[in-house]
């Protein structure tokens, strides 16, 4: 093979026994990027061509090869048929001597920042041979991008209990090599490729869309018919675990009393359950939809680290008694800091066996009570059981993200006798707060002649009742100051000191 070098280009004419003959001519070359499916999808810089390699094959043999970043001609012998191949924005890439080897020819990126510094890699290949007959003829090649573009957006509109703060986004295990002239390419080398810049991160935080690029990477489809997006993970039998590309979004999550670093991951492909094929010259939209509980679901998709959890949530009593002829008994909880959210859960079979039921299973924002702070309304447990036996059920307590915090036993009490247990002794609440004071109902016969009094100008009674089994006193805070609430049963007063702020 004889190489004729020039300052800005070179023509390679291998010696395959072709006779020397007049008729060689410089043919002008024009390269342009093929438009994507819609013109509006083309971003600035996606069509820029910095340099190109042009390979001309005659009868299956490499006849001429030119690399250029400025010269736009190739010297060819007129009157012959050629098949042309172009590789652009890749730097100088040597071509195989035989056309039969060009499909397996592999281009490897020299660095991870190649897309931004050199432009998007592109290619062209002839479908049919082309005869070059006139020296004035111009070769025009419409180049196809070898990369896929992902337009990524983060949707956090479903977050109500948690806040997410983005710090970075990248394509991990992105292909670093490609067979540009094959029908589809699967990477043999992978690394972290395209990153969101600082400006991109700011745009994502503001609800914008950011575009990331990667070479084609067709790793295949999972067998077995998986339909669960949480189970989309490579199986080495069908798909390479180390060479499949995924999006990784990192940041921090926080809620009342809780914070952690988090990384969200999702494998790319044509669906969200089984396909790991990313095709060249495609524009794809990817939305990362965040939910409160999704960040705490055990999965490869979510990784938590540096967890800080200062929340304390516990039942105040290890056992609570329920009566069949009362409206319900409250399950008391101590929690901190203010604003912690939690929920209760009971076994349906235990509830049915003991004739228990909840009147309000999930809880919502409420005021501070007693030693801790209720962030949620207290559900009442009802019991319709009758008899001398004492069925019971376990009620479990969780923080809103599903972390178990303890349990209490609710037991049927047939004897109708229990002591007055006013709660709390003191508390601090904002002005306008509805204060729920819970107590264990006294026996039926002891209600005779009882009354409930509110002796404070800072509070007004909104729903005080002496009905059997009410178990709840509600008062409304009116203005700032210290209120002393007096609750009296059969002439025995109990006081609760409330500071209104």
Protein backbone atom coordinates (compact mmCIF):
# COMPACT_ATOMS: atom_id res chain seq x y z
CA UNK A 1 0.00 0.00 0.00
CA UNK A 2 1.49 3.33 -1.08
CA UNK A 3 0.60 6.39 0.97
CA UNK A 4 0.76 9.81 -0.68
CA UNK A 5 0.77 12.46 2.05
CA UNK A 6 -0.41 16.04 1.70
CA UNK A 7 -0.48 18.87 4.19
CA UNK A 8 -4.17 18.57 4.98
CA UNK A 9 -5.22 15.26 3.42
CA UNK A 10 -3.88 11.99 2.10
CA UNK A 11 -4.96 9.61 -0.65
CA UNK A 12 -4.29 5.91 -0.26
CA UNK A 13 -4.07 3.86 -3.45
CA UNK A 14 -3.22 0.24 -2.64
CA UNK A 15 -1.27 -1.76 -5.17
CA UNK A 16 -3.67 -4.55 -6.09
CA UNK A 17 -2.37 -5.01 -9.63
CA UNK A 18 -4.53 -2.26 -11.11
CA UNK A 19 -3.00 -0.96 -14.37
CA UNK A 20 -1.73 2.58 -14.46
CA UNK A 21 -3.91 4.65 -16.76
CA UNK A 22 -4.74 8.27 -17.33
CA UNK A 23 -8.04 9.60 -16.09
CA UNK A 24 -7.39 10.31 -12.41
CA UNK A 25 -9.20 13.44 -11.24
CA UNK A 26 -9.91 15.38 -8.07
CA UNK A 27 -13.59 14.99 -7.22
CA UNK A 28 -15.21 17.53 -4.95
CA UNK A 29 -16.80 16.15 -1.77
CA UNK A 30 -19.75 17.58 0.14
CA UNK A 31 -20.96 16.21 3.50
CA UNK A 32 -24.00 17.32 5.45
CA UNK A 33 -25.94 15.92 8.39
CA UNK A 34 -29.17 14.15 7.62
CA UNK A 35 -32.13 15.80 9.32
CA UNK A 36 -33.77 13.91 12.21
CA UNK A 37 -37.44 12.86 11.84
CA UNK A 38 -38.61 16.39 12.65
CA UNK A 39 -36.63 19.51 11.88
CA UNK A 40 -37.57 21.04 15.24
CA UNK A 41 -35.87 18.15 17.05
CA UNK A 42 -32.43 19.22 15.79
CA UNK A 43 -30.48 21.13 18.42
CA UNK A 44 -27.67 23.58 17.81
CA UNK A 45 -24.43 21.76 17.08
CA UNK A 46 -26.02 18.42 16.17
CA UNK A 47 -25.37 19.02 12.49
CA UNK A 48 -21.85 20.42 12.74
CA UNK A 49 -19.17 18.53 10.79
CA UNK A 50 -15.62 19.16 11.99
CA UNK A 51 -13.75 16.52 9.98
CA UNK A 52 -14.39 13.41 7.92
CA UNK A 53 -12.87 10.21 6.66
CA UNK A 54 -13.88 9.09 3.15
CA UNK A 55 -13.19 5.54 1.96
CA UNK A 56 -13.70 4.48 -1.66
CA UNK A 57 -13.85 0.74 -2.46
CA UNK A 58 -13.56 -0.66 -5.98
CA UNK A 59 -14.36 -4.34 -6.55
CA UNK A 60 -14.24 -4.95 -2.81
CA UNK A 61 -10.78 -3.42 -2.34
CA UNK A 62 -9.86 -0.09 -0.76
CA UNK A 63 -8.94 2.19 -3.64
CA UNK A 64 -8.63 5.56 -1.88
CA UNK A 65 -8.95 6.95 1.61
CA UNK A 66 -9.00 10.62 2.60
CA UNK A 67 -9.06 12.25 6.02
CA UNK A 68 -9.72 15.95 6.00
CA UNK A 69 -10.59 18.83 8.25
CA UNK A 70 -10.34 21.42 5.46
CA UNK A 71 -9.73 19.90 1.99
CA UNK A 72 -12.93 18.75 0.29
CA UNK A 73 -11.61 16.62 -2.62
CA UNK A 74 -10.67 13.01 -3.26
CA UNK A 75 -8.59 11.76 -6.21
CA UNK A 76 -10.34 8.94 -8.07
CA UNK A 77 -9.94 7.20 -11.42
CA UNK A 78 -12.82 8.10 -13.69
CA UNK A 79 -15.10 5.53 -15.27
CA UNK A 80 -14.99 3.10 -12.37
CA UNK A 81 -17.63 1.97 -9.87
CA UNK A 82 -17.01 2.75 -6.23
CA UNK A 83 -18.80 2.15 -2.96
CA UNK A 84 -18.25 4.99 -0.54
CA UNK A 85 -18.08 5.06 3.24
CA UNK A 86 -17.81 8.20 5.37
CA UNK A 87 -16.98 8.57 9.05
CA UNK A 88 -17.22 12.12 10.41
CA UNK A 89 -16.28 13.89 13.67
CA UNK A 90 -14.10 11.00 14.80
CA UNK A 91 -10.60 12.17 13.96
CA UNK A 92 -8.45 10.08 11.64
CA UNK A 93 -9.63 6.46 11.46
CA UNK A 94 -7.85 3.91 9.25
CA UNK A 95 -10.05 1.78 6.97
CA UNK A 96 -9.66 -1.98 6.36
CA UNK A 97 -8.14 -3.04 3.05
CA UNK A 98 -11.12 -5.23 2.19
CA UNK A 99 -14.70 -4.01 2.05
CA UNK A 100 -15.88 -7.29 3.54
CA UNK A 101 -14.25 -6.22 6.82
CA UNK A 102 -15.79 -2.78 7.08
CA UNK A 103 -18.97 -3.97 8.84
CA UNK A 104 -16.84 -5.19 11.76
CA UNK A 105 -14.63 -2.10 11.76
CA UNK A 106 -14.84 -0.57 15.25
CA UNK A 107 -14.39 3.07 16.22
CA UNK A 108 -13.34 3.75 19.82
CA UNK A 109 -13.81 7.14 21.43
CA UNK A 110 -10.55 8.69 22.52
CA UNK A 111 -12.10 10.42 25.53
CA UNK A 112 -15.32 10.89 27.41
CA UNK A 113 -15.66 14.51 26.34
CA UNK A 114 -15.53 13.81 22.61
CA UNK A 115 -19.10 14.86 21.85
CA UNK A 116 -18.63 18.39 23.09
CA UNK A 117 -15.14 18.97 21.67
CA UNK A 118 -15.48 17.30 18.27
CA UNK A 119 -19.19 17.11 17.44
CA UNK A 120 -21.50 14.15 17.10
CA UNK A 121 -20.04 11.11 15.26
CA UNK A 122 -21.75 10.46 11.90
CA UNK A 123 -21.49 7.99 9.06
CA UNK A 124 -22.53 7.22 5.48
CA UNK A 125 -22.37 3.99 3.52
CA UNK A 126 -23.27 3.28 -0.10
CA UNK A 127 -26.15 0.96 -0.80
CA UNK A 128 -25.19 0.50 -4.47
CA UNK A 129 -21.93 1.12 -6.40
CA UNK A 130 -21.59 4.57 -7.94
CA UNK A 131 -19.75 5.30 -11.18
CA UNK A 132 -17.56 8.41 -11.22
CA UNK A 133 -17.31 9.59 -14.80
CA UNK A 134 -16.76 13.35 -14.84
CA UNK A 135 -14.05 15.34 -13.12
CA UNK A 136 -16.57 18.09 -12.46
CA UNK A 137 -18.92 15.70 -10.67
CA UNK A 138 -19.46 16.34 -6.95
CA UNK A 139 -19.94 13.60 -4.39
CA UNK A 140 -22.65 14.56 -1.90
CA UNK A 141 -23.08 12.46 1.27
CA UNK A 142 -25.99 12.75 3.72
CA UNK A 143 -24.52 11.64 7.03
CA UNK A 144 -26.46 9.81 9.76
CA UNK A 145 -25.70 10.44 13.42
CA UNK A 146 -24.22 7.48 15.28
CA UNK A 147 -25.60 8.72 18.59
CA UNK A 148 -28.96 8.62 20.34
CA UNK A 149 -30.22 11.73 22.09
CA UNK A 150 -32.11 11.53 25.36
CA UNK A 151 -34.19 14.51 26.39
CA UNK A 152 -34.46 14.11 30.15
CA UNK A 153 -36.84 15.83 32.54
CA UNK A 154 -37.50 15.30 36.25
CA UNK A 155 -41.13 15.30 37.38
CA UNK A 156 -41.43 15.81 41.14
CA UNK A 157 -45.06 16.97 41.13
CA UNK A 158 -46.14 13.84 43.04
CA UNK A 159 -43.89 14.64 46.01
CA UNK A 160 -45.92 15.83 48.99
CA UNK A 161 -44.02 14.54 52.03
CA UNK A 162 -40.49 14.77 50.68
CA UNK A 163 -38.22 17.23 48.88
CA UNK A 164 -35.64 16.25 46.27
CA UNK A 165 -32.61 18.42 45.49
CA UNK A 166 -30.69 17.47 42.33
CA UNK A 167 -26.89 17.49 42.32
CA UNK A 168 -25.88 15.56 39.15
CA UNK A 169 -27.08 13.52 36.20
CA UNK A 170 -25.09 11.29 33.85
CA UNK A 171 -25.23 8.37 31.45
CA UNK A 172 -23.43 5.45 33.10
CA UNK A 173 -21.97 2.44 31.29
CA UNK A 174 -22.41 4.34 28.04
CA UNK A 175 -20.68 2.81 24.98
CA UNK A 176 -17.17 3.99 24.21
CA UNK A 177 -16.95 2.09 20.92
CA UNK A 178 -19.18 1.34 17.95
CA UNK A 179 -19.22 -0.55 14.65
CA UNK A 180 -20.44 2.38 12.53
CA UNK A 181 -21.08 0.47 9.29
CA UNK A 182 -22.94 -2.50 10.79
CA UNK A 183 -26.78 -2.57 10.96
CA UNK A 184 -26.63 -2.25 14.75
CA UNK A 185 -23.81 -2.02 17.25
CA UNK A 186 -23.32 -3.38 20.78
CA UNK A 187 -20.60 -1.85 22.95
CA UNK A 188 -17.57 -3.83 24.05
CA UNK A 189 -16.25 -0.90 26.13
CA UNK A 190 -18.32 1.29 28.44
CA UNK A 191 -17.85 4.19 30.83
CA UNK A 192 -19.57 7.29 32.18
CA UNK A 193 -20.08 9.36 29.07
CA UNK A 194 -22.29 12.44 28.98
CA UNK A 195 -22.87 14.56 32.09
CA UNK A 196 -25.33 17.33 32.86
CA UNK A 197 -23.42 20.59 33.22
CA UNK A 198 -23.95 23.02 36.08
CA UNK A 199 -26.26 25.02 33.83
CA UNK A 200 -28.13 21.81 32.95
CA UNK A 201 -28.62 21.02 36.65
CA UNK A 202 -30.07 24.48 37.22
CA UNK A 203 -32.39 23.99 34.25
CA UNK A 204 -33.57 20.61 35.56
CA UNK A 205 -34.24 22.09 38.99
CA UNK A 206 -36.42 24.70 37.31
CA UNK A 207 -38.43 22.02 35.52
CA UNK A 208 -36.56 22.19 32.22
CA UNK A 209 -35.37 19.47 29.84
CA UNK A 210 -31.71 18.54 29.27
CA UNK A 211 -30.30 16.55 26.34
CA UNK A 212 -27.66 13.83 26.80
CA UNK A 213 -25.95 11.86 24.02
CA UNK A 214 -24.56 8.36 23.66
CA UNK A 215 -23.35 6.07 20.89
CA UNK A 216 -25.67 3.33 19.72
CA UNK A 217 -25.72 0.39 22.11
CA UNK A 218 -27.95 -2.58 21.26
CA UNK A 219 -27.51 -5.05 24.11
CA UNK A 220 -30.68 -7.08 23.54
CA UNK A 221 -33.94 -7.97 25.26
CA UNK A 222 -34.60 -9.89 28.45
CA UNK A 223 -36.11 -13.31 28.06
CA UNK A 224 -38.92 -14.52 30.28
CA UNK A 225 -41.48 -11.83 29.55
CA UNK A 226 -40.81 -9.48 32.47
CA UNK A 227 -43.60 -6.89 32.92
CA UNK A 228 -42.46 -5.21 36.16
CA UNK A 229 -40.46 -2.02 35.65
CA UNK A 230 -38.86 -2.48 39.08
CA UNK A 231 -37.42 -5.79 37.83
CA UNK A 232 -35.78 -4.41 34.69
CA UNK A 233 -32.23 -5.56 35.31
CA UNK A 234 -29.80 -7.33 32.94
CA UNK A 235 -29.60 -11.10 32.98
CA UNK A 236 -26.20 -12.16 31.66
CA UNK A 237 -27.93 -14.93 29.70
CA UNK A 238 -29.65 -12.34 27.48
CA UNK A 239 -28.16 -8.92 28.28
CA UNK A 240 -24.74 -7.79 29.50
CA UNK A 241 -24.90 -6.31 32.99
CA UNK A 242 -21.66 -4.34 32.60
CA UNK A 243 -22.31 -2.93 29.12
CA UNK A 244 -25.97 -1.86 29.30
CA UNK A 245 -26.40 1.90 29.59
CA UNK A 246 -28.41 3.51 32.36
CA UNK A 247 -29.30 7.02 33.45
CA UNK A 248 -28.15 7.96 36.95
CA UNK A 249 -29.63 10.95 38.74
CA UNK A 250 -28.15 11.89 42.13
CA UNK A 251 -29.14 14.33 44.83
CA UNK A 252 -30.55 14.51 48.33
CA UNK A 253 -33.99 13.75 49.73
CA UNK A 254 -35.34 15.30 52.90
CA UNK A 255 -38.45 15.42 55.01
CA UNK A 256 -39.18 16.27 58.63
CA UNK A 257 -36.42 14.65 60.69
CA UNK A 258 -34.96 12.74 57.74
CA UNK A 259 -32.34 13.29 55.04
CA UNK A 260 -30.22 11.06 52.78
CA UNK A 261 -28.14 11.07 49.63
CA UNK A 262 -29.95 9.24 46.85
CA UNK A 263 -29.18 7.92 43.39
CA UNK A 264 -31.97 7.00 41.00
CA UNK A 265 -31.09 4.66 38.13
CA UNK A 266 -32.94 3.40 35.09
CA UNK A 267 -31.70 1.24 32.23
CA UNK A 268 -32.32 2.70 28.79
CA UNK A 269 -34.10 0.93 25.97
CA UNK A 270 -37.29 0.92 23.94
CA UNK A 271 -39.44 0.05 26.94
CA UNK A 272 -39.22 0.16 30.73
CA UNK A 273 -39.40 -3.58 31.41
CA UNK A 274 -37.23 -5.71 29.10
CA UNK A 275 -35.55 -3.88 26.19
CA UNK A 276 -31.92 -2.70 26.46
CA UNK A 277 -31.46 -1.48 22.86
CA UNK A 278 -30.49 2.14 22.21
CA UNK A 279 -30.46 2.96 18.48
CA UNK A 280 -28.44 5.52 16.59
CA UNK A 281 -29.97 8.70 15.18
CA UNK A 282 -32.99 8.62 17.51
CA UNK A 283 -34.48 11.29 19.74
CA UNK A 284 -35.91 9.84 22.95
CA UNK A 285 -37.86 11.45 25.77
CA UNK A 286 -37.21 10.21 29.28
CA UNK A 287 -39.09 11.46 32.35
CA UNK A 288 -37.95 10.51 35.83
CA UNK A 289 -41.14 10.57 37.91
CA UNK A 290 -40.47 10.80 41.65
CA UNK A 291 -42.87 9.68 44.37
CA UNK A 292 -42.62 9.88 48.15
CA UNK A 293 -42.53 6.14 48.75
CA UNK A 294 -40.61 5.17 45.60
CA UNK A 295 -37.35 6.36 47.13
CA UNK A 296 -37.68 3.79 49.91
CA UNK A 297 -38.59 0.76 47.85
CA UNK A 298 -35.73 -1.79 47.95
CA UNK A 299 -34.42 -2.01 44.39
CA UNK A 300 -31.37 -1.54 42.21
CA UNK A 301 -33.16 1.55 40.91
CA UNK A 302 -32.77 3.45 44.17
CA UNK A 303 -29.61 3.67 46.33
CA UNK A 304 -29.59 5.55 49.65
CA UNK A 305 -26.50 6.59 51.61
CA UNK A 306 -25.50 8.97 54.43
CA UNK A 307 -28.92 8.52 55.99
CA UNK A 308 -29.80 10.83 58.91
CA UNK A 309 -33.01 9.89 60.72
CA UNK A 310 -33.82 11.75 63.95
CA UNK A 311 -37.52 10.84 63.99
CA UNK A 312 -38.98 9.23 67.09
CA UNK A 313 -42.44 7.73 66.83
CA UNK A 314 -43.89 5.32 69.39
CA UNK A 315 -47.14 4.24 70.96
CA UNK A 316 -47.68 5.79 74.35
CA UNK A 317 -49.26 2.66 75.77
CA UNK A 318 -48.28 -0.94 75.15
CA UNK A 319 -51.93 -1.96 75.64
CA UNK A 320 -55.19 -0.12 74.98
CA UNK A 321 -58.65 -1.33 76.02
CA UNK A 322 -61.74 -1.17 73.82
CA UNK A 323 -65.39 -1.46 74.86
CA UNK A 324 -68.23 -2.72 72.72
CA UNK A 325 -70.71 -0.01 73.75
CA UNK A 326 -68.34 2.95 73.25
CA UNK A 327 -67.75 4.87 70.01
CA UNK A 328 -64.05 4.06 69.99
CA UNK A 329 -60.75 4.29 71.79
CA UNK A 330 -57.87 6.42 70.59
CA UNK A 331 -54.38 5.06 69.99
CA UNK A 332 -51.98 7.57 71.50
CA UNK A 333 -48.62 8.28 69.87
CA UNK A 334 -45.57 10.29 70.91
CA UNK A 335 -43.56 11.69 68.01
CA UNK A 336 -40.88 14.23 67.27
CA UNK A 337 -39.82 16.51 65.71
CA UNK A 338 -42.94 18.50 64.95
CA UNK A 339 -44.42 17.54 61.60
CA UNK A 340 -43.44 13.86 61.51
CA UNK A 341 -45.98 11.85 59.55
CA UNK A 342 -46.87 8.27 60.38
CA UNK A 343 -49.60 5.70 59.94
CA UNK A 344 -51.10 2.64 61.60
CA UNK A 345 -51.60 -0.84 60.24
CA UNK A 346 -53.46 -3.85 61.63
CA UNK A 347 -53.89 -7.41 60.38
CA UNK A 348 -57.32 -7.71 58.69
CA UNK A 349 -57.77 -11.25 60.03
CA UNK A 350 -57.07 -10.13 63.61
CA UNK A 351 -59.47 -7.22 63.17
CA UNK A 352 -62.22 -9.51 61.88
CA UNK A 353 -61.65 -12.16 64.55
CA UNK A 354 -61.92 -9.62 67.37
CA UNK A 355 -64.64 -7.48 65.77
CA UNK A 356 -62.32 -4.46 65.70
CA UNK A 357 -62.28 -1.69 63.10
CA UNK A 358 -60.61 1.66 62.46
CA UNK A 359 -62.67 4.78 61.97
CA UNK A 360 -59.70 6.65 60.47
CA UNK A 361 -56.77 4.54 59.33
CA UNK A 362 -54.55 7.26 57.89
CA UNK A 363 -53.79 10.51 59.65
CA UNK A 364 -53.28 14.08 58.63
CA UNK A 365 -51.72 17.25 60.01
CA UNK A 366 -52.58 18.10 63.62
CA UNK A 367 -51.20 19.85 66.70
CA UNK A 368 -48.71 19.13 69.42
CA UNK A 369 -49.95 17.00 72.30
CA UNK A 370 -48.27 16.08 75.58
CA UNK A 371 -44.75 14.69 75.76
CA UNK A 372 -44.52 14.37 71.99
CA UNK A 373 -46.27 15.96 69.08
CA UNK A 374 -49.11 14.52 67.08
CA UNK A 375 -48.52 15.30 63.46
CA UNK A 376 -51.54 13.20 62.50
CA UNK A 377 -55.09 12.71 63.56
CA UNK A 378 -55.55 9.86 66.01
CA UNK A 379 -57.74 7.06 64.66
CA UNK A 380 -60.31 5.49 66.92
CA UNK A 381 -60.49 1.71 67.22
CA UNK A 382 -64.05 0.43 67.48
CA UNK A 383 -65.08 -2.90 68.91
CA UNK A 384 -68.42 -4.63 68.39
CA UNK A 385 -67.45 -7.80 70.21
CA UNK A 386 -69.53 -9.00 73.18
CA UNK A 387 -68.87 -11.75 75.65
CA UNK A 388 -66.63 -12.56 78.59
CA UNK A 389 -63.57 -13.47 76.50
CA UNK A 390 -60.95 -10.85 75.63
CA UNK A 391 -59.97 -10.91 71.95
CA UNK A 392 -57.12 -8.62 70.94
CA UNK A 393 -55.21 -7.39 67.90
CA UNK A 394 -51.79 -5.91 67.25
CA UNK A 395 -51.59 -2.45 65.72
CA UNK A 396 -48.27 -1.56 64.12
CA UNK A 397 -46.87 1.94 63.77
CA UNK A 398 -44.76 3.17 60.83
CA UNK A 399 -43.29 6.43 59.70
CA UNK A 400 -44.76 7.58 56.39
CA UNK A 401 -41.91 5.99 54.41
CA UNK A 402 -42.73 2.52 55.74
CA UNK A 403 -40.10 2.22 58.49
CA UNK A 404 -41.45 0.12 61.36
CA UNK A 405 -41.52 1.89 64.74
CA UNK A 406 -43.39 -0.43 67.11
CA UNK A 407 -46.77 -1.85 68.01
CA UNK A 408 -49.49 -1.81 70.64
CA UNK A 409 -52.15 -4.31 71.65
CA UNK A 410 -55.83 -3.39 71.52
CA UNK A 411 -57.82 -5.69 73.80
CA UNK A 412 -61.55 -6.03 74.32
CA UNK A 413 -62.50 -5.20 77.92
CA UNK A 414 -65.90 -6.59 78.98
CA UNK A 415 -65.94 -5.22 82.56
CA UNK A 416 -66.71 -1.57 81.71
CA UNK A 417 -64.44 -0.17 84.34
CA UNK A 418 -61.34 1.89 83.86
CA UNK A 419 -59.83 4.98 85.44
CA UNK A 420 -59.91 8.53 84.14
CA UNK A 421 -56.67 9.22 82.22
CA UNK A 422 -56.59 12.77 80.90
CA UNK A 423 -53.78 13.57 78.47
CA UNK A 424 -51.63 15.62 78.36
CA UNK A 425 -50.54 17.63 81.37
CA UNK A 426 -49.20 20.53 79.25
CA UNK A 427 -48.38 21.47 75.68
CA UNK A 428 -47.49 24.36 73.34
CA UNK A 429 -49.54 25.03 70.22
CA UNK A 430 -49.95 27.78 67.58
CA UNK A 431 -52.90 30.13 67.87
CA UNK A 432 -56.00 28.81 66.13
CA UNK A 433 -55.05 25.17 66.79
CA UNK A 434 -57.74 22.62 67.45
CA UNK A 435 -56.59 20.70 70.51
CA UNK A 436 -57.73 17.09 70.79
CA UNK A 437 -57.68 15.84 74.38
CA UNK A 438 -58.13 12.10 74.59
CA UNK A 439 -59.08 10.10 77.64
CA UNK A 440 -60.10 6.58 78.51
CA UNK A 441 -63.88 6.50 79.14
CA UNK A 442 -65.02 5.93 82.71
CA UNK A 443 -67.66 3.30 83.53
CA UNK A 444 -71.20 4.02 82.42
CA UNK A 445 -72.58 4.40 85.93
CA UNK A 446 -69.92 7.01 86.79
CA UNK A 447 -71.08 9.45 84.08
CA UNK A 448 -74.12 10.44 86.13
CA UNK A 449 -73.83 14.06 87.17
CA UNK A 450 -70.49 14.63 85.38
CA UNK A 451 -69.65 17.65 83.28
CA UNK A 452 -66.77 19.08 81.23
CA UNK A 453 -65.73 22.69 81.77
CA UNK A 454 -63.33 24.95 79.87
CA UNK A 455 -62.24 27.74 82.22
CA UNK A 456 -60.05 29.83 79.91
CA UNK A 457 -60.54 32.89 77.74
CA UNK A 458 -57.81 31.66 75.37
CA UNK A 459 -59.80 28.63 74.29
CA UNK A 460 -63.38 27.85 73.40
CA UNK A 461 -65.07 24.49 73.42
CA UNK A 462 -65.84 23.26 69.92
CA UNK A 463 -67.09 19.79 70.73
CA UNK A 464 -67.15 18.88 74.41
CA UNK A 465 -69.45 16.05 75.28
CA UNK A 466 -70.36 13.91 78.26
CA UNK A 467 -71.87 11.21 76.10
CA UNK A 468 -70.88 7.68 76.94
CA UNK A 469 -67.63 6.68 75.31
CA UNK A 470 -66.92 9.97 73.53
CA UNK A 471 -63.25 9.67 74.46
CA UNK A 472 -62.40 13.05 72.92
CA UNK A 473 -62.58 16.69 73.92
CA UNK A 474 -61.96 19.31 71.22
CA UNK A 475 -61.16 22.95 71.98
CA UNK A 476 -60.14 25.82 69.70
CA UNK A 477 -57.25 28.22 70.53
CA UNK A 478 -58.27 31.87 70.25
CA UNK A 479 -55.28 34.07 71.12
CA UNK A 480 -51.70 34.08 72.36
CA UNK A 481 -51.12 33.40 76.03
CA UNK A 482 -51.31 30.65 78.61
CA UNK A 483 -54.61 28.84 79.01
CA UNK A 484 -55.55 26.52 81.83
CA UNK A 485 -58.19 24.07 80.69
CA UNK A 486 -60.15 22.46 83.50
CA UNK A 487 -61.91 19.19 82.82
CA UNK A 488 -64.12 17.89 85.64
CA UNK A 489 -65.78 14.55 86.17
CA UNK A 490 -68.11 14.22 89.21
CA UNK A 491 -66.60 17.26 90.85
CA UNK A 492 -62.96 16.16 90.52
CA UNK A 493 -61.16 18.70 88.33
CA UNK A 494 -58.18 17.88 86.12
CA UNK A 495 -56.20 20.74 84.58
CA UNK A 496 -54.19 21.01 81.37
CA UNK A 497 -51.85 23.98 80.92
CA UNK A 498 -51.66 25.12 77.31
CA UNK A 499 -49.31 27.81 76.00
CA UNK A 500 -50.67 29.41 72.84
CA UNK A 501 -48.06 31.02 70.58
